[in-house]
């Protein structure tokens, strides 16, 4: 079960202690990514239930904001870092080498700030619109599929550079891990009900678009692209469900 603990430790801030000296390749932990996403969604669903009775109707958006804060705290902002880095790298007018250098630059640029603000506003609005309608299934479906997308990307898309987090995480990712992750993603999506299925397709389309842009402008994917895809898929799914797509 060390692979599961590795996945939980990487994708959340839950207090688990994996054996990082385990010689098993890191890619084996990817089999558990969608399951960890499902667990995160269930935990957020529980937190939403605890927040629901507080404050009355006037505190509707405050409850959504508190849930978003809990969401960021549970993940440690890991994927938000990738989102910000990618906003800076993809939208600045530059060549491939400059974009890759921006991804490794620890400084935050204007595109990152704008992208983060827009992401938070849209995600908060979607949570507020769904707080008493379909929120639980939407949360579980979004968090699960977003992490399943990472596995698909690692297995089927080239890397922007041969070193880095993406290269390390994908080492040892084989057919077994892809099958487990794929079956978990499909099973959770089916269990969430047909009301969210069209939204999941919209989320997958958004991920495909992001990967295509990354291929064109970076020459491949990176750990930042993986993180940004999680944020994009989660937000897109929530928005699509809120809009009744």
Protein backbone atom coordinates (compact mmCIF):
# COMPACT_ATOMS: atom_id res chain seq x y z
CA UNK A 1 0.00 0.00 0.00
CA UNK A 2 3.01 2.30 -0.11
CA UNK A 3 2.05 3.34 -3.64
CA UNK A 4 -1.29 4.59 -2.31
CA UNK A 5 0.45 6.47 0.49
CA UNK A 6 2.77 8.03 -2.05
CA UNK A 7 -0.19 9.20 -4.13
CA UNK A 8 -1.97 10.65 -1.09
CA UNK A 9 1.18 12.39 0.11
CA UNK A 10 1.84 13.95 -3.30
CA UNK A 11 -1.70 15.04 -4.17
CA UNK A 12 -2.92 16.15 -0.73
CA UNK A 13 -1.71 17.45 2.60
CA UNK A 14 -3.28 14.61 4.55
CA UNK A 15 -0.94 13.25 7.24
CA UNK A 16 0.33 10.04 5.68
CA UNK A 17 3.92 8.86 5.79
CA UNK A 18 5.00 6.89 2.74
CA UNK A 19 8.32 5.14 2.53
CA UNK A 20 10.18 7.35 0.06
CA UNK A 21 13.11 4.92 0.11
CA UNK A 22 10.91 2.25 -1.48
CA UNK A 23 12.71 1.16 -4.69
CA UNK A 24 9.39 0.82 -6.56
CA UNK A 25 9.22 3.34 -9.45
CA UNK A 26 7.09 6.45 -8.77
CA UNK A 27 4.85 5.73 -11.77
CA UNK A 28 3.20 2.86 -9.90
CA UNK A 29 1.54 5.36 -7.56
CA UNK A 30 -0.31 6.85 -10.53
CA UNK A 31 -2.69 3.89 -10.45
CA UNK A 32 -4.13 5.48 -7.30
CA UNK A 33 -4.43 9.07 -8.51
CA UNK A 34 -8.14 8.89 -9.43
CA UNK A 35 -8.93 7.06 -6.18
CA UNK A 36 -7.20 9.83 -4.22
CA UNK A 37 -9.21 12.35 -6.23
CA UNK A 38 -12.43 10.54 -5.35
CA UNK A 39 -11.47 10.56 -1.67
CA UNK A 40 -10.77 14.29 -1.86
CA UNK A 41 -14.14 14.90 -3.49
CA UNK A 42 -15.93 12.89 -0.81
CA UNK A 43 -14.13 14.82 1.92
CA UNK A 44 -15.13 18.13 0.32
CA UNK A 45 -18.72 16.86 0.05
CA UNK A 46 -18.66 16.13 3.78
CA UNK A 47 -17.27 19.59 4.53
CA UNK A 48 -19.97 21.17 2.36
CA UNK A 49 -22.58 19.30 4.40
CA UNK A 50 -21.10 20.65 7.62
CA UNK A 51 -21.09 24.20 6.24
CA UNK A 52 -24.60 24.04 4.75
CA UNK A 53 -26.58 24.85 7.96
CA UNK A 54 -24.36 27.80 8.91
CA UNK A 55 -25.32 31.42 8.44
CA UNK A 56 -28.63 31.07 6.63
CA UNK A 57 -29.31 32.17 3.06
CA UNK A 58 -27.37 35.42 3.48
CA UNK A 59 -24.13 33.47 3.95
CA UNK A 60 -24.53 31.43 0.77
CA UNK A 61 -21.40 32.76 -0.94
CA UNK A 62 -19.43 32.79 2.30
CA UNK A 63 -19.99 29.04 2.65
CA UNK A 64 -18.78 28.54 -0.91
CA UNK A 65 -15.69 30.63 -0.17
CA UNK A 66 -14.92 28.63 2.98
CA UNK A 67 -15.26 25.40 1.02
CA UNK A 68 -12.82 26.72 -1.57
CA UNK A 69 -10.36 27.60 1.21
CA UNK A 70 -10.66 24.05 2.56
CA UNK A 71 -10.09 22.71 -0.96
CA UNK A 72 -6.86 24.67 -1.37
CA UNK A 73 -5.71 23.68 2.12
CA UNK A 74 -6.32 19.97 1.47
CA UNK A 75 -4.25 20.02 -1.73
CA UNK A 76 -1.63 22.44 -0.46
CA UNK A 77 -2.08 24.61 -3.54
CA UNK A 78 0.00 22.12 -5.52
CA UNK A 79 -1.95 22.39 -8.75
CA UNK A 80 -2.45 26.14 -8.39
CA UNK A 81 1.31 26.54 -8.63
CA UNK A 82 1.26 24.72 -11.95
CA UNK A 83 -1.66 26.82 -13.13
CA UNK A 84 0.17 30.08 -12.35
CA UNK A 85 3.43 28.95 -13.93
CA UNK A 86 1.64 27.82 -17.06
CA UNK A 87 -0.32 31.06 -17.38
CA UNK A 88 2.98 32.94 -17.39
CA UNK A 89 4.65 30.58 -19.84
CA UNK A 90 1.89 29.98 -22.38
CA UNK A 91 0.49 33.45 -22.86
CA UNK A 92 3.65 35.54 -22.95
CA UNK A 93 4.90 36.24 -26.51
CA UNK A 94 8.12 34.21 -26.59
CA UNK A 95 9.81 31.23 -28.21
CA UNK A 96 9.83 27.69 -26.82
CA UNK A 97 13.14 28.05 -24.97
CA UNK A 98 11.95 31.21 -23.22
CA UNK A 99 8.65 29.59 -22.26
CA UNK A 100 10.46 26.61 -20.72
CA UNK A 101 12.72 28.99 -18.80
CA UNK A 102 9.65 30.82 -17.47
CA UNK A 103 8.24 27.52 -16.17
CA UNK A 104 11.35 27.11 -14.02
CA UNK A 105 11.40 30.75 -12.86
CA UNK A 106 10.17 31.01 -9.23
CA UNK A 107 8.89 34.56 -9.76
CA UNK A 108 5.19 35.24 -10.41
CA UNK A 109 4.25 37.33 -13.42
CA UNK A 110 1.21 39.35 -14.43
CA UNK A 111 -0.34 36.53 -16.46
CA UNK A 112 -0.16 34.23 -13.42
CA UNK A 113 -1.89 36.77 -11.18
CA UNK A 114 -4.65 37.40 -13.70
CA UNK A 115 -5.08 33.68 -14.36
CA UNK A 116 -5.26 32.85 -10.64
CA UNK A 117 -7.80 35.60 -9.98
CA UNK A 118 -10.01 34.45 -12.84
CA UNK A 119 -9.75 30.80 -11.78
CA UNK A 120 -10.76 31.58 -8.19
CA UNK A 121 -13.65 33.78 -9.27
CA UNK A 122 -15.06 31.19 -11.66
CA UNK A 123 -14.55 28.27 -9.27
CA UNK A 124 -16.14 30.20 -6.40
CA UNK A 125 -19.12 31.17 -8.55
CA UNK A 126 -19.63 27.55 -9.63
CA UNK A 127 -19.45 26.31 -6.02
CA UNK A 128 -21.93 28.95 -4.95
CA UNK A 129 -24.35 28.04 -7.72
CA UNK A 130 -24.13 24.33 -6.86
CA UNK A 131 -24.01 24.50 -3.07
CA UNK A 132 -27.47 23.07 -2.53
CA UNK A 133 -27.93 21.39 -5.93
CA UNK A 134 -25.75 18.57 -7.31
CA UNK A 135 -22.65 19.80 -5.46
CA UNK A 136 -21.60 16.42 -4.01
CA UNK A 137 -21.61 14.37 -7.23
CA UNK A 138 -20.06 17.27 -9.13
CA UNK A 139 -17.21 17.56 -6.63
CA UNK A 140 -16.43 13.84 -6.62
CA UNK A 141 -16.62 13.56 -10.40
CA UNK A 142 -14.47 16.65 -10.96
CA UNK A 143 -11.70 15.71 -8.53
CA UNK A 144 -11.57 12.12 -9.78
CA UNK A 145 -11.52 12.80 -13.51
CA UNK A 146 -9.02 15.65 -13.12
CA UNK A 147 -6.49 13.26 -11.60
CA UNK A 148 -7.30 10.54 -14.09
CA UNK A 149 -6.35 13.04 -16.78
CA UNK A 150 -2.84 13.26 -15.32
CA UNK A 151 -2.37 9.52 -15.81
CA UNK A 152 -3.61 9.71 -19.39
CA UNK A 153 -1.32 12.65 -20.13
CA UNK A 154 1.72 10.95 -18.60
CA UNK A 155 1.08 7.79 -20.61
CA UNK A 156 0.28 9.26 -24.02
CA UNK A 157 1.88 12.70 -24.40
CA UNK A 158 5.57 13.57 -24.85
CA UNK A 159 7.48 15.52 -22.22
CA UNK A 160 8.58 19.09 -22.75
CA UNK A 161 11.97 18.18 -21.28
CA UNK A 162 13.55 14.85 -20.28
CA UNK A 163 14.08 15.91 -16.66
CA UNK A 164 11.80 17.42 -14.06
CA UNK A 165 8.79 16.38 -11.99
CA UNK A 166 6.77 14.97 -14.88
CA UNK A 167 9.62 12.73 -16.01
CA UNK A 168 10.16 11.51 -12.46
CA UNK A 169 6.48 10.83 -11.73
CA UNK A 170 5.96 8.93 -14.97
CA UNK A 171 8.88 6.56 -14.44
CA UNK A 172 7.46 3.06 -14.18
CA UNK A 173 3.97 3.96 -15.37
CA UNK A 174 2.78 0.86 -17.23
CA UNK A 175 -0.34 -0.69 -18.65
CA UNK A 176 -1.40 -2.09 -15.26
CA UNK A 177 -1.38 1.36 -13.67
CA UNK A 178 -3.23 2.87 -16.63
CA UNK A 179 -5.94 0.19 -16.49
CA UNK A 180 -6.46 0.60 -12.74
CA UNK A 181 -6.60 4.38 -13.01
CA UNK A 182 -8.91 4.23 -16.04
CA UNK A 183 -11.33 1.77 -14.46
CA UNK A 184 -11.43 3.80 -11.25
CA UNK A 185 -12.15 7.00 -13.17
CA UNK A 186 -14.92 5.42 -15.23
CA UNK A 187 -16.48 3.69 -12.22
CA UNK A 188 -16.60 6.87 -10.14
CA UNK A 189 -17.95 8.85 -13.08
CA UNK A 190 -20.74 6.32 -13.59
CA UNK A 191 -21.59 6.30 -9.88
CA UNK A 192 -21.89 10.09 -9.84
CA UNK A 193 -24.88 9.81 -12.14
CA UNK A 194 -25.91 10.90 -15.63
CA UNK A 195 -26.45 14.49 -14.50
CA UNK A 196 -22.68 15.05 -14.52
CA UNK A 197 -21.70 12.95 -17.55
CA UNK A 198 -21.98 15.74 -20.15
CA UNK A 199 -19.98 18.02 -17.86
CA UNK A 200 -17.22 15.41 -17.63
CA UNK A 201 -16.99 15.35 -21.41
CA UNK A 202 -16.63 19.13 -21.39
CA UNK A 203 -13.87 18.82 -18.80
CA UNK A 204 -12.02 16.24 -20.89
CA UNK A 205 -12.33 18.49 -23.94
CA UNK A 206 -10.80 21.36 -21.93
CA UNK A 207 -7.87 19.14 -20.94
CA UNK A 208 -7.35 18.07 -24.56
CA UNK A 209 -7.30 21.72 -25.61
CA UNK A 210 -4.75 22.61 -22.93
CA UNK A 211 -2.50 19.72 -23.93
CA UNK A 212 -2.68 20.74 -27.59
CA UNK A 213 -1.64 24.31 -26.72
CA UNK A 214 1.20 22.98 -24.54
CA UNK A 215 2.42 20.75 -27.36
CA UNK A 216 2.43 23.67 -29.79
CA UNK A 217 4.13 26.17 -27.50
CA UNK A 218 6.30 24.00 -25.23
CA UNK A 219 6.91 20.95 -27.41
CA UNK A 220 5.44 18.64 -24.77
CA UNK A 221 3.98 18.46 -21.29
CA UNK A 222 5.52 19.14 -17.89
CA UNK A 223 4.57 18.86 -14.23
CA UNK A 224 3.14 22.37 -14.42
CA UNK A 225 0.92 21.32 -17.32
CA UNK A 226 -0.31 18.36 -15.27
CA UNK A 227 -1.14 20.65 -12.35
CA UNK A 228 -2.83 23.24 -14.54
CA UNK A 229 -4.93 20.54 -16.19
CA UNK A 230 -6.25 19.46 -12.78
CA UNK A 231 -7.42 23.01 -12.02
CA UNK A 232 -8.87 23.47 -15.50
CA UNK A 233 -10.79 20.17 -15.49
CA UNK A 234 -12.15 20.67 -11.97
CA UNK A 235 -13.33 24.18 -12.72
CA UNK A 236 -14.75 23.31 -16.13
CA UNK A 237 -16.73 20.37 -14.77
CA UNK A 238 -18.21 22.46 -11.95
CA UNK A 239 -19.14 25.25 -14.33
CA UNK A 240 -20.70 22.86 -16.83
CA UNK A 241 -22.81 21.20 -14.13
CA UNK A 242 -23.86 24.61 -12.78
CA UNK A 243 -24.91 25.70 -16.27
CA UNK A 244 -26.90 22.51 -16.76
CA UNK A 245 -24.80 21.24 -19.66
